[in-house]
Amino acid sequence: PTSGSIFFEGRDLVHLASGPHAGGRGGEMRRLRRDLQIIFQDPFASLD
């Protein structure tokens, strides 16, 4: 986001680091990603 907040169970996701090399609070974001998933629009493009 450009600005604003996203809270999941009271934790602000915007301020958690993400990515494969994120440590510390990035680990918290990685754990939270288990709880947050998406089903995409195009079933032909979304599967490898």
ModelCIF file with pLDDT and N, C-alpha, C, O atoms, coordinates in Angstrom:
data_MODEL
#
_entry.id   MODEL 
#
_entity.id                         1 
_entity.type                       polymer 
_entity.pdbx_number_of_molecules   1 
#
_entity_poly.entity_id                      1 
_entity_poly.type                           'polypeptide(L)' 
_entity_poly.nstd_linkage                   no 
_entity_poly.nstd_monomer                   no 
_entity_poly.pdbx_seq_one_letter_code       PTSGSIFFEGRDLVHLASGPHAGGRGGEMRRLRRDLQIIFQDPFASLD 
_entity_poly.pdbx_seq_one_letter_code_can   PTSGSIFFEGRDLVHLASGPHAGGRGGEMRRLRRDLQIIFQDPFASLD 
_entity_poly.pdbx_strand_id                 A 
#
loop_
_entity_poly_seq.entity_id 
_entity_poly_seq.num 
_entity_poly_seq.mon_id 
_entity_poly_seq.hetero 
1 1  PRO n 
1 2  THR n 
1 3  SER n 
1 4  GLY n 
1 5  SER n 
1 6  ILE n 
1 7  PHE n 
1 8  PHE n 
1 9  GLU n 
1 10 GLY n 
1 11 ARG n 
1 12 ASP n 
1 13 LEU n 
1 14 VAL n 
1 15 HIS n 
1 16 LEU n 
1 17 ALA n 
1 18 SER n 
1 19 GLY n 
1 20 PRO n 
1 21 HIS n 
1 22 ALA n 
1 23 GLY n 
1 24 GLY n 
1 25 ARG n 
1 26 GLY n 
1 27 GLY n 
1 28 GLU n 
1 29 MET n 
1 30 ARG n 
1 31 ARG n 
1 32 LEU n 
1 33 ARG n 
1 34 ARG n 
1 35 ASP n 
1 36 LEU n 
1 37 GLN n 
1 38 ILE n 
1 39 ILE n 
1 40 PHE n 
1 41 GLN n 
1 42 ASP n 
1 43 PRO n 
1 44 PHE n 
1 45 ALA n 
1 46 SER n 
1 47 LEU n 
1 48 ASP n 
#
_struct_asym.id          A 
_struct_asym.entity_id   1 
#
loop_
_ma_qa_metric.id 
_ma_qa_metric.mode 
_ma_qa_metric.name 
_ma_qa_metric.software_group_id 
_ma_qa_metric.type 
1 global pLDDT . pLDDT 
2 local  pLDDT . pLDDT 
#
_ma_qa_metric_global.metric_id      1 
_ma_qa_metric_global.metric_value   81.96 
_ma_qa_metric_global.model_id       1 
_ma_qa_metric_global.ordinal_id     1 
#
loop_
_ma_qa_metric_local.label_asym_id 
_ma_qa_metric_local.label_comp_id 
_ma_qa_metric_local.label_seq_id 
_ma_qa_metric_local.metric_id 
_ma_qa_metric_local.metric_value 
_ma_qa_metric_local.model_id 
_ma_qa_metric_local.ordinal_id 
A PRO 1  2 96.00 1 1  
A THR 2  2 96.00 1 2  
A SER 3  2 96.00 1 3  
A GLY 4  2 97.00 1 4  
A SER 5  2 96.00 1 5  
A ILE 6  2 97.00 1 6  
A PHE 7  2 96.00 1 7  
A PHE 8  2 96.00 1 8  
A GLU 9  2 93.00 1 9  
A GLY 10 2 92.00 1 10 
A ARG 11 2 91.00 1 11 
A ASP 12 2 92.00 1 12 
A LEU 13 2 93.00 1 13 
A VAL 14 2 91.00 1 14 
A HIS 15 2 85.00 1 15 
A LEU 16 2 82.00 1 16 
A ALA 17 2 63.00 1 17 
A SER 18 2 59.00 1 18 
A GLY 19 2 53.00 1 19 
A PRO 20 2 49.00 1 20 
A HIS 21 2 47.00 1 21 
A ALA 22 2 48.00 1 22 
A GLY 23 2 49.00 1 23 
A GLY 24 2 48.00 1 24 
A ARG 25 2 49.00 1 25 
A GLY 26 2 50.00 1 26 
A GLY 27 2 68.00 1 27 
A GLU 28 2 76.00 1 28 
A MET 29 2 75.00 1 29 
A ARG 30 2 75.00 1 30 
A ARG 31 2 81.00 1 31 
A LEU 32 2 85.00 1 32 
A ARG 33 2 84.00 1 33 
A ARG 34 2 90.00 1 34 
A ASP 35 2 95.00 1 35 
A LEU 36 2 96.00 1 36 
A GLN 37 2 96.00 1 37 
A ILE 38 2 96.00 1 38 
A ILE 39 2 97.00 1 39 
A PHE 40 2 94.00 1 40 
A GLN 41 2 91.00 1 41 
A ASP 42 2 90.00 1 42 
A PRO 43 2 87.00 1 43 
A PHE 44 2 87.00 1 44 
A ALA 45 2 90.00 1 45 
A SER 46 2 90.00 1 46 
A LEU 47 2 94.00 1 47 
A ASP 48 2 93.00 1 48 
#
loop_
_atom_site.group_PDB 
_atom_site.id 
_atom_site.type_symbol 
_atom_site.label_atom_id 
_atom_site.label_alt_id 
_atom_site.label_comp_id 
_atom_site.label_asym_id 
_atom_site.label_entity_id 
_atom_site.label_seq_id 
_atom_site.pdbx_PDB_ins_code 
_atom_site.Cartn_x 
_atom_site.Cartn_y 
_atom_site.Cartn_z 
_atom_site.occupancy 
_atom_site.B_iso_or_equiv 
_atom_site.pdbx_formal_charge 
_atom_site.auth_seq_id 
_atom_site.auth_comp_id 
_atom_site.auth_asym_id 
_atom_site.auth_atom_id 
_atom_site.pdbx_PDB_model_num 
ATOM 1   N N  . PRO A 1 1  ? 0.822   -1.219  0.000   1.00 96.00 ? 1  PRO A N  1 
ATOM 2   C CA . PRO A 1 1  ? 0.000   0.000   0.000   1.00 96.00 ? 1  PRO A CA 1 
ATOM 3   C C  . PRO A 1 1  ? 0.847   1.256   0.000   1.00 96.00 ? 1  PRO A C  1 
ATOM 4   O O  . PRO A 1 1  ? 1.995   1.251   0.444   1.00 96.00 ? 1  PRO A O  1 
ATOM 5   N N  . THR A 1 2  ? 0.269   2.324   -0.499  1.00 96.00 ? 2  THR A N  1 
ATOM 6   C CA . THR A 1 2  ? 0.911   3.629   -0.399  1.00 96.00 ? 2  THR A CA 1 
ATOM 7   C C  . THR A 1 2  ? 0.804   4.164   1.017   1.00 96.00 ? 2  THR A C  1 
ATOM 8   O O  . THR A 1 2  ? 1.744   4.767   1.534   1.00 96.00 ? 2  THR A O  1 
ATOM 9   N N  . SER A 1 3  ? -0.345  3.940   1.643   1.00 96.00 ? 3  SER A N  1 
ATOM 10  C CA . SER A 1 3  ? -0.546  4.339   3.035   1.00 96.00 ? 3  SER A CA 1 
ATOM 11  C C  . SER A 1 3  ? -1.705  3.542   3.615   1.00 96.00 ? 3  SER A C  1 
ATOM 12  O O  . SER A 1 3  ? -2.452  2.884   2.891   1.00 96.00 ? 3  SER A O  1 
ATOM 13  N N  . GLY A 1 4  ? -1.840  3.615   4.937   1.00 97.00 ? 4  GLY A N  1 
ATOM 14  C CA . GLY A 1 4  ? -2.935  2.931   5.614   1.00 97.00 ? 4  GLY A CA 1 
ATOM 15  C C  . GLY A 1 4  ? -2.458  1.729   6.406   1.00 97.00 ? 4  GLY A C  1 
ATOM 16  O O  . GLY A 1 4  ? -1.268  1.415   6.427   1.00 97.00 ? 4  GLY A O  1 
ATOM 17  N N  . SER A 1 5  ? -3.394  1.063   7.053   1.00 96.00 ? 5  SER A N  1 
ATOM 18  C CA . SER A 1 5  ? -3.093  -0.060  7.936   1.00 96.00 ? 5  SER A CA 1 
ATOM 19  C C  . SER A 1 5  ? -3.957  -1.264  7.599   1.00 96.00 ? 5  SER A C  1 
ATOM 20  O O  . SER A 1 5  ? -5.093  -1.130  7.146   1.00 96.00 ? 5  SER A O  1 
ATOM 21  N N  . ILE A 1 6  ? -3.386  -2.452  7.831   1.00 97.00 ? 6  ILE A N  1 
ATOM 22  C CA . ILE A 1 6  ? -4.095  -3.715  7.639   1.00 97.00 ? 6  ILE A CA 1 
ATOM 23  C C  . ILE A 1 6  ? -3.897  -4.528  8.912   1.00 97.00 ? 6  ILE A C  1 
ATOM 24  O O  . ILE A 1 6  ? -2.777  -4.940  9.216   1.00 97.00 ? 6  ILE A O  1 
ATOM 25  N N  . PHE A 1 7  ? -4.969  -4.761  9.655   1.00 96.00 ? 7  PHE A N  1 
ATOM 26  C CA . PHE A 1 7  ? -4.866  -5.491  10.916  1.00 96.00 ? 7  PHE A CA 1 
ATOM 27  C C  . PHE A 1 7  ? -5.481  -6.878  10.768  1.00 96.00 ? 7  PHE A C  1 
ATOM 28  O O  . PHE A 1 7  ? -6.616  -7.023  10.313  1.00 96.00 ? 7  PHE A O  1 
ATOM 29  N N  . PHE A 1 8  ? -4.717  -7.893  11.159  1.00 96.00 ? 8  PHE A N  1 
ATOM 30  C CA . PHE A 1 8  ? -5.231  -9.257  11.240  1.00 96.00 ? 8  PHE A CA 1 
ATOM 31  C C  . PHE A 1 8  ? -5.085  -9.702  12.685  1.00 96.00 ? 8  PHE A C  1 
ATOM 32  O O  . PHE A 1 8  ? -3.975  -9.835  13.200  1.00 96.00 ? 8  PHE A O  1 
ATOM 33  N N  . GLU A 1 9  ? -6.213  -9.928  13.329  1.00 93.00 ? 9  GLU A N  1 
ATOM 34  C CA . GLU A 1 9  ? -6.236  -10.225 14.765  1.00 93.00 ? 9  GLU A CA 1 
ATOM 35  C C  . GLU A 1 9  ? -5.435  -9.208  15.565  1.00 93.00 ? 9  GLU A C  1 
ATOM 36  O O  . GLU A 1 9  ? -4.716  -9.562  16.500  1.00 93.00 ? 9  GLU A O  1 
ATOM 37  N N  . GLY A 1 10 ? -5.568  -7.940  15.187  1.00 92.00 ? 10 GLY A N  1 
ATOM 38  C CA . GLY A 1 10 ? -4.943  -6.862  15.932  1.00 92.00 ? 10 GLY A CA 1 
ATOM 39  C C  . GLY A 1 10 ? -3.512  -6.565  15.564  1.00 92.00 ? 10 GLY A C  1 
ATOM 40  O O  . GLY A 1 10 ? -2.949  -5.596  16.072  1.00 92.00 ? 10 GLY A O  1 
ATOM 41  N N  . ARG A 1 11 ? -2.889  -7.363  14.694  1.00 91.00 ? 11 ARG A N  1 
ATOM 42  C CA . ARG A 1 11 ? -1.504  -7.122  14.291  1.00 91.00 ? 11 ARG A CA 1 
ATOM 43  C C  . ARG A 1 11 ? -1.477  -6.404  12.953  1.00 91.00 ? 11 ARG A C  1 
ATOM 44  O O  . ARG A 1 11 ? -2.124  -6.834  11.998  1.00 91.00 ? 11 ARG A O  1 
ATOM 45  N N  . ASP A 1 12 ? -0.730  -5.313  12.884  1.00 92.00 ? 12 ASP A N  1 
ATOM 46  C CA . ASP A 1 12 ? -0.680  -4.504  11.667  1.00 92.00 ? 12 ASP A CA 1 
ATOM 47  C C  . ASP A 1 12 ? 0.284   -5.150  10.676  1.00 92.00 ? 12 ASP A C  1 
ATOM 48  O O  . ASP A 1 12 ? 1.497   -5.136  10.884  1.00 92.00 ? 12 ASP A O  1 
ATOM 49  N N  . LEU A 1 13 ? -0.258  -5.714  9.600   1.00 93.00 ? 13 LEU A N  1 
ATOM 50  C CA . LEU A 1 13 ? 0.562   -6.417  8.621   1.00 93.00 ? 13 LEU A CA 1 
ATOM 51  C C  . LEU A 1 13 ? 1.490   -5.492  7.854   1.00 93.00 ? 13 LEU A C  1 
ATOM 52  O O  . LEU A 1 13 ? 2.541   -5.924  7.380   1.00 93.00 ? 13 LEU A O  1 
ATOM 53  N N  . VAL A 1 14 ? 1.115   -4.223  7.726   1.00 91.00 ? 14 VAL A N  1 
ATOM 54  C CA . VAL A 1 14 ? 1.911   -3.297  6.925   1.00 91.00 ? 14 VAL A CA 1 
ATOM 55  C C  . VAL A 1 14 ? 3.306   -3.120  7.508   1.00 91.00 ? 14 VAL A C  1 
ATOM 56  O O  . VAL A 1 14 ? 4.260   -2.883  6.767   1.00 91.00 ? 14 VAL A O  1 
ATOM 57  N N  . HIS A 1 15 ? 3.433   -3.232  8.819   1.00 85.00 ? 15 HIS A N  1 
ATOM 58  C CA . HIS A 1 15 ? 4.716   -2.992  9.465   1.00 85.00 ? 15 HIS A CA 1 
ATOM 59  C C  . HIS A 1 15 ? 5.506   -4.272  9.724   1.00 85.00 ? 15 HIS A C  1 
ATOM 60  O O  . HIS A 1 15 ? 6.504   -4.250  10.445  1.00 85.00 ? 15 HIS A O  1 
ATOM 61  N N  . LEU A 1 16 ? 5.063   -5.393  9.137   1.00 82.00 ? 16 LEU A N  1 
ATOM 62  C CA . LEU A 1 16 ? 5.815   -6.636  9.237   1.00 82.00 ? 16 LEU A CA 1 
ATOM 63  C C  . LEU A 1 16 ? 6.599   -6.830  7.945   1.00 82.00 ? 16 LEU A C  1 
ATOM 64  O O  . LEU A 1 16 ? 6.039   -6.750  6.852   1.00 82.00 ? 16 LEU A O  1 
ATOM 65  N N  . ALA A 1 17 ? 7.894   -7.084  8.078   1.00 63.00 ? 17 ALA A N  1 
ATOM 66  C CA . ALA A 1 17 ? 8.721   -7.317  6.898   1.00 63.00 ? 17 ALA A CA 1 
ATOM 67  C C  . ALA A 1 17 ? 8.290   -8.606  6.231   1.00 63.00 ? 17 ALA A C  1 
ATOM 68  O O  . ALA A 1 17 ? 7.799   -9.525  6.886   1.00 63.00 ? 17 ALA A O  1 
ATOM 69  N N  . SER A 1 18 ? 8.480   -8.666  4.912   1.00 59.00 ? 18 SER A N  1 
ATOM 70  C CA . SER A 1 18 ? 8.136   -9.877  4.173   1.00 59.00 ? 18 SER A CA 1 
ATOM 71  C C  . SER A 1 18 ? 9.254   -10.183 3.199   1.00 59.00 ? 18 SER A C  1 
ATOM 72  O O  . SER A 1 18 ? 10.192  -9.403  3.033   1.00 59.00 ? 18 SER A O  1 
ATOM 73  N N  . GLY A 1 19 ? 9.136   -11.333 2.561   1.00 53.00 ? 19 GLY A N  1 
ATOM 74  C CA . GLY A 1 19 ? 10.151  -11.727 1.595   1.00 53.00 ? 19 GLY A CA 1 
ATOM 75  C C  . GLY A 1 19 ? 11.008  -12.854 2.130   1.00 53.00 ? 19 GLY A C  1 
ATOM 76  O O  . GLY A 1 19 ? 11.013  -13.108 3.334   1.00 53.00 ? 19 GLY A O  1 
ATOM 77  N N  . PRO A 1 20 ? 11.752  -13.554 1.232   1.00 49.00 ? 20 PRO A N  1 
ATOM 78  C CA . PRO A 1 20 ? 12.499  -14.737 1.621   1.00 49.00 ? 20 PRO A CA 1 
ATOM 79  C C  . PRO A 1 20 ? 13.644  -14.462 2.574   1.00 49.00 ? 20 PRO A C  1 
ATOM 80  O O  . PRO A 1 20 ? 14.084  -15.364 3.285   1.00 49.00 ? 20 PRO A O  1 
ATOM 81  N N  . HIS A 1 21 ? 14.142  -13.213 2.602   1.00 47.00 ? 21 HIS A N  1 
ATOM 82  C CA . HIS A 1 21 ? 15.295  -12.909 3.448   1.00 47.00 ? 21 HIS A CA 1 
ATOM 83  C C  . HIS A 1 21 ? 14.916  -12.111 4.685   1.00 47.00 ? 21 HIS A C  1 
ATOM 84  O O  . HIS A 1 21 ? 15.793  -11.670 5.428   1.00 47.00 ? 21 HIS A O  1 
ATOM 85  N N  . ALA A 1 22 ? 13.619  -11.919 4.915   1.00 48.00 ? 22 ALA A N  1 
ATOM 86  C CA . ALA A 1 22 ? 13.182  -11.136 6.066   1.00 48.00 ? 22 ALA A CA 1 
ATOM 87  C C  . ALA A 1 22 ? 13.314  -11.970 7.332   1.00 48.00 ? 22 ALA A C  1 
ATOM 88  O O  . ALA A 1 22 ? 12.855  -13.111 7.384   1.00 48.00 ? 22 ALA A O  1 
ATOM 89  N N  . GLY A 1 23 ? 13.933  -11.404 8.333   1.00 49.00 ? 23 GLY A N  1 
ATOM 90  C CA . GLY A 1 23 ? 14.056  -12.081 9.615   1.00 49.00 ? 23 GLY A CA 1 
ATOM 91  C C  . GLY A 1 23 ? 13.247  -11.350 10.663  1.00 49.00 ? 23 GLY A C  1 
ATOM 92  O O  . GLY A 1 23 ? 12.577  -10.363 10.360  1.00 49.00 ? 23 GLY A O  1 
ATOM 93  N N  . GLY A 1 24 ? 13.307  -11.830 11.904  1.00 48.00 ? 24 GLY A N  1 
ATOM 94  C CA . GLY A 1 24 ? 12.626  -11.132 12.984  1.00 48.00 ? 24 GLY A CA 1 
ATOM 95  C C  . GLY A 1 24 ? 11.149  -11.039 12.732  1.00 48.00 ? 24 GLY A C  1 
ATOM 96  O O  . GLY A 1 24 ? 10.459  -12.056 12.664  1.00 48.00 ? 24 GLY A O  1 
ATOM 97  N N  . ARG A 1 25 ? 10.646  -9.804  12.590  1.00 49.00 ? 25 ARG A N  1 
ATOM 98  C CA . ARG A 1 25 ? 9.219   -9.599  12.352  1.00 49.00 ? 25 ARG A CA 1 
ATOM 99  C C  . ARG A 1 25 ? 8.806   -10.124 10.989  1.00 49.00 ? 25 ARG A C  1 
ATOM 100 O O  . ARG A 1 25 ? 7.626   -10.373 10.743  1.00 49.00 ? 25 ARG A O  1 
ATOM 101 N N  . GLY A 1 26 ? 9.795   -10.294 10.088  1.00 50.00 ? 26 GLY A N  1 
ATOM 102 C CA . GLY A 1 26 ? 9.478   -10.939 8.812   1.00 50.00 ? 26 GLY A CA 1 
ATOM 103 C C  . GLY A 1 26 ? 9.033   -12.368 9.003   1.00 50.00 ? 26 GLY A C  1 
ATOM 104 O O  . GLY A 1 26 ? 8.204   -12.869 8.243   1.00 50.00 ? 26 GLY A O  1 
ATOM 105 N N  . GLY A 1 27 ? 9.581   -13.044 10.026  1.00 68.00 ? 27 GLY A N  1 
ATOM 106 C CA . GLY A 1 27 ? 9.139   -14.388 10.344  1.00 68.00 ? 27 GLY A CA 1 
ATOM 107 C C  . GLY A 1 27 ? 7.697   -14.402 10.782  1.00 68.00 ? 27 GLY A C  1 
ATOM 108 O O  . GLY A 1 27 ? 6.973   -15.357 10.503  1.00 68.00 ? 27 GLY A O  1 
ATOM 109 N N  . GLU A 1 28 ? 7.264   -13.348 11.471  1.00 76.00 ? 28 GLU A N  1 
ATOM 110 C CA . GLU A 1 28 ? 5.867   -13.260 11.889  1.00 76.00 ? 28 GLU A CA 1 
ATOM 111 C C  . GLU A 1 28 ? 4.962   -13.125 10.674  1.00 76.00 ? 28 GLU A C  1 
ATOM 112 O O  . GLU A 1 28 ? 3.901   -13.747 10.622  1.00 76.00 ? 28 GLU A O  1 
ATOM 113 N N  . MET A 1 29 ? 5.371   -12.316 9.689   1.00 75.00 ? 29 MET A N  1 
ATOM 114 C CA . MET A 1 29 ? 4.574   -12.181 8.476   1.00 75.00 ? 29 MET A CA 1 
ATOM 115 C C  . MET A 1 29 ? 4.504   -13.510 7.732   1.00 75.00 ? 29 MET A C  1 
ATOM 116 O O  . MET A 1 29 ? 3.455   -13.873 7.199   1.00 75.00 ? 29 MET A O  1 
ATOM 117 N N  . ARG A 1 30 ? 5.611   -14.227 7.698   1.00 75.00 ? 30 ARG A N  1 
ATOM 118 C CA . ARG A 1 30 ? 5.619   -15.531 7.039   1.00 75.00 ? 30 ARG A CA 1 
ATOM 119 C C  . ARG A 1 30 ? 4.640   -16.488 7.717   1.00 75.00 ? 30 ARG A C  1 
ATOM 120 O O  . ARG A 1 30 ? 3.923   -17.229 7.044   1.00 75.00 ? 30 ARG A O  1 
ATOM 121 N N  . ARG A 1 31 ? 4.613   -16.471 9.040   1.00 81.00 ? 31 ARG A N  1 
ATOM 122 C CA . ARG A 1 31 ? 3.672   -17.330 9.754   1.00 81.00 ? 31 ARG A CA 1 
ATOM 123 C C  . ARG A 1 31 ? 2.232   -16.918 9.482   1.00 81.00 ? 31 ARG A C  1 
ATOM 124 O O  . ARG A 1 31 ? 1.356   -17.769 9.329   1.00 81.00 ? 31 ARG A O  1 
ATOM 125 N N  . LEU A 1 32 ? 1.987   -15.606 9.422   1.00 85.00 ? 32 LEU A N  1 
ATOM 126 C CA . LEU A 1 32 ? 0.628   -15.133 9.178   1.00 85.00 ? 32 LEU A CA 1 
ATOM 127 C C  . LEU A 1 32 ? 0.139   -15.479 7.778   1.00 85.00 ? 32 LEU A C  1 
ATOM 128 O O  . LEU A 1 32 ? -1.064  -15.627 7.560   1.00 85.00 ? 32 LEU A O  1 
ATOM 129 N N  . ARG A 1 33 ? 1.060   -15.610 6.833   1.00 84.00 ? 33 ARG A N  1 
ATOM 130 C CA . ARG A 1 33 ? 0.652   -15.941 5.467   1.00 84.00 ? 33 ARG A CA 1 
ATOM 131 C C  . ARG A 1 33 ? -0.033  -17.304 5.399   1.00 84.00 ? 33 ARG A C  1 
ATOM 132 O O  . ARG A 1 33 ? -0.784  -17.568 4.459   1.00 84.00 ? 33 ARG A O  1 
ATOM 133 N N  . ARG A 1 34 ? 0.211   -18.161 6.365   1.00 90.00 ? 34 ARG A N  1 
ATOM 134 C CA . ARG A 1 34 ? -0.506  -19.429 6.412   1.00 90.00 ? 34 ARG A CA 1 
ATOM 135 C C  . ARG A 1 34 ? -2.001  -19.195 6.581   1.00 90.00 ? 34 ARG A C  1 
ATOM 136 O O  . ARG A 1 34 ? -2.813  -19.968 6.073   1.00 90.00 ? 34 ARG A O  1 
ATOM 137 N N  . ASP A 1 35 ? -2.365  -18.138 7.287   1.00 95.00 ? 35 ASP A N  1 
ATOM 138 C CA . ASP A 1 35 ? -3.770  -17.850 7.575   1.00 95.00 ? 35 ASP A CA 1 
ATOM 139 C C  . ASP A 1 35 ? -4.449  -17.020 6.494   1.00 95.00 ? 35 ASP A C  1 
ATOM 140 O O  . ASP A 1 35 ? -5.668  -16.850 6.518   1.00 95.00 ? 35 ASP A O  1 
ATOM 141 N N  . LEU A 1 36 ? -3.669  -16.502 5.546   1.00 96.00 ? 36 LEU A N  1 
ATOM 142 C CA . LEU A 1 36 ? -4.182  -15.562 4.556   1.00 96.00 ? 36 LEU A CA 1 
ATOM 143 C C  . LEU A 1 36 ? -3.898  -16.102 3.161   1.00 96.00 ? 36 LEU A C  1 
ATOM 144 O O  . LEU A 1 36 ? -2.744  -16.139 2.734   1.00 96.00 ? 36 LEU A O  1 
ATOM 145 N N  . GLN A 1 37 ? -4.930  -16.519 2.453   1.00 96.00 ? 37 GLN A N  1 
ATOM 146 C CA . GLN A 1 37 ? -4.744  -17.137 1.148   1.00 96.00 ? 37 GLN A CA 1 
ATOM 147 C C  . GLN A 1 37 ? -5.652  -16.482 0.113   1.00 96.00 ? 37 GLN A C  1 
ATOM 148 O O  . GLN A 1 37 ? -6.511  -15.663 0.442   1.00 96.00 ? 37 GLN A O  1 
ATOM 149 N N  . ILE A 1 38 ? -5.441  -16.865 -1.156  1.00 96.00 ? 38 ILE A N  1 
ATOM 150 C CA . ILE A 1 38 ? -6.213  -16.278 -2.255  1.00 96.00 ? 38 ILE A CA 1 
ATOM 151 C C  . ILE A 1 38 ? -6.605  -17.357 -3.241  1.00 96.00 ? 38 ILE A C  1 
ATOM 152 O O  . ILE A 1 38 ? -5.849  -18.296 -3.490  1.00 96.00 ? 38 ILE A O  1 
ATOM 153 N N  . ILE A 1 39 ? -7.807  -17.212 -3.806  1.00 97.00 ? 39 ILE A N  1 
ATOM 154 C CA . ILE A 1 39 ? -8.262  -17.999 -4.949  1.00 97.00 ? 39 ILE A CA 1 
ATOM 155 C C  . ILE A 1 39 ? -8.331  -17.036 -6.120  1.00 97.00 ? 39 ILE A C  1 
ATOM 156 O O  . ILE A 1 39 ? -9.054  -16.041 -6.068  1.00 97.00 ? 39 ILE A O  1 
ATOM 157 N N  . PHE A 1 40 ? -7.582  -17.325 -7.174  1.00 94.00 ? 40 PHE A N  1 
ATOM 158 C CA . PHE A 1 40 ? -7.448  -16.376 -8.284  1.00 94.00 ? 40 PHE A CA 1 
ATOM 159 C C  . PHE A 1 40 ? -8.596  -16.489 -9.280  1.00 94.00 ? 40 PHE A C  1 
ATOM 160 O O  . PHE A 1 40 ? -9.352  -17.461 -9.295  1.00 94.00 ? 40 PHE A O  1 
ATOM 161 N N  . GLN A 1 41 ? -8.693  -15.464 -10.104 1.00 91.00 ? 41 GLN A N  1 
ATOM 162 C CA . GLN A 1 41 ? -9.788  -15.353 -11.059 1.00 91.00 ? 41 GLN A CA 1 
ATOM 163 C C  . GLN A 1 41 ? -9.683  -16.371 -12.189 1.00 91.00 ? 41 GLN A C  1 
ATOM 164 O O  . GLN A 1 41 ? -10.672 -17.009 -12.550 1.00 91.00 ? 41 GLN A O  1 
ATOM 165 N N  . ASP A 1 42 ? -8.493  -16.519 -12.740 1.00 90.00 ? 42 ASP A N  1 
ATOM 166 C CA . ASP A 1 42 ? -8.336  -17.293 -13.970 1.00 90.00 ? 42 ASP A CA 1 
ATOM 167 C C  . ASP A 1 42 ? -7.775  -18.679 -13.656 1.00 90.00 ? 42 ASP A C  1 
ATOM 168 O O  . ASP A 1 42 ? -6.589  -18.801 -13.349 1.00 90.00 ? 42 ASP A O  1 
ATOM 169 N N  . PRO A 1 43 ? -8.600  -19.723 -13.725 1.00 87.00 ? 43 PRO A N  1 
ATOM 170 C CA . PRO A 1 43 ? -8.097  -21.065 -13.393 1.00 87.00 ? 43 PRO A CA 1 
ATOM 171 C C  . PRO A 1 43 ? -7.134  -21.609 -14.436 1.00 87.00 ? 43 PRO A C  1 
ATOM 172 O O  . PRO A 1 43 ? -6.462  -22.610 -14.191 1.00 87.00 ? 43 PRO A O  1 
ATOM 173 N N  . PHE A 1 44 ? -7.057  -20.964 -15.598 1.00 87.00 ? 44 PHE A N  1 
ATOM 174 C CA . PHE A 1 44 ? -6.139  -21.419 -16.641 1.00 87.00 ? 44 PHE A CA 1 
ATOM 175 C C  . PHE A 1 44 ? -4.743  -20.824 -16.452 1.00 87.00 ? 44 PHE A C  1 
ATOM 176 O O  . PHE A 1 44 ? -3.747  -21.466 -16.787 1.00 87.00 ? 44 PHE A O  1 
ATOM 177 N N  . ALA A 1 45 ? -4.663  -19.605 -15.922 1.00 90.00 ? 45 ALA A N  1 
ATOM 178 C CA . ALA A 1 45 ? -3.374  -18.947 -15.742 1.00 90.00 ? 45 ALA A CA 1 
ATOM 179 C C  . ALA A 1 45 ? -2.774  -19.149 -14.357 1.00 90.00 ? 45 ALA A C  1 
ATOM 180 O O  . ALA A 1 45 ? -1.575  -18.938 -14.172 1.00 90.00 ? 45 ALA A O  1 
ATOM 181 N N  . SER A 1 46 ? -3.578  -19.553 -13.386 1.00 90.00 ? 46 SER A N  1 
ATOM 182 C CA . SER A 1 46 ? -3.099  -19.595 -11.997 1.00 90.00 ? 46 SER A CA 1 
ATOM 183 C C  . SER A 1 46 ? -2.408  -20.902 -11.620 1.00 90.00 ? 46 SER A C  1 
ATOM 184 O O  . SER A 1 46 ? -1.832  -21.008 -10.537 1.00 90.00 ? 46 SER A O  1 
ATOM 185 N N  . LEU A 1 47 ? -2.463  -21.906 -12.513 1.00 94.00 ? 47 LEU A N  1 
ATOM 186 C CA . LEU A 1 47 ? -1.816  -23.187 -12.241 1.00 94.00 ? 47 LEU A CA 1 
ATOM 187 C C  . LEU A 1 47 ? -0.636  -23.380 -13.183 1.00 94.00 ? 47 LEU A C  1 
ATOM 188 O O  . LEU A 1 47 ? -0.777  -23.209 -14.394 1.00 94.00 ? 47 LEU A O  1 
ATOM 189 N N  . ASP A 1 48 ? 0.522   -23.735 -12.641 1.00 93.00 ? 48 ASP A N  1 
ATOM 190 C CA . ASP A 1 48 ? 1.724   -23.935 -13.441 1.00 93.00 ? 48 ASP A CA 1 
ATOM 191 C C  . ASP A 1 48 ? 1.546   -25.185 -14.313 1.00 93.00 ? 48 ASP A C  1 
ATOM 192 O O  . ASP A 1 48 ? 2.447   -25.541 -15.073 1.00 93.00 ? 48 ASP A O  1 
#
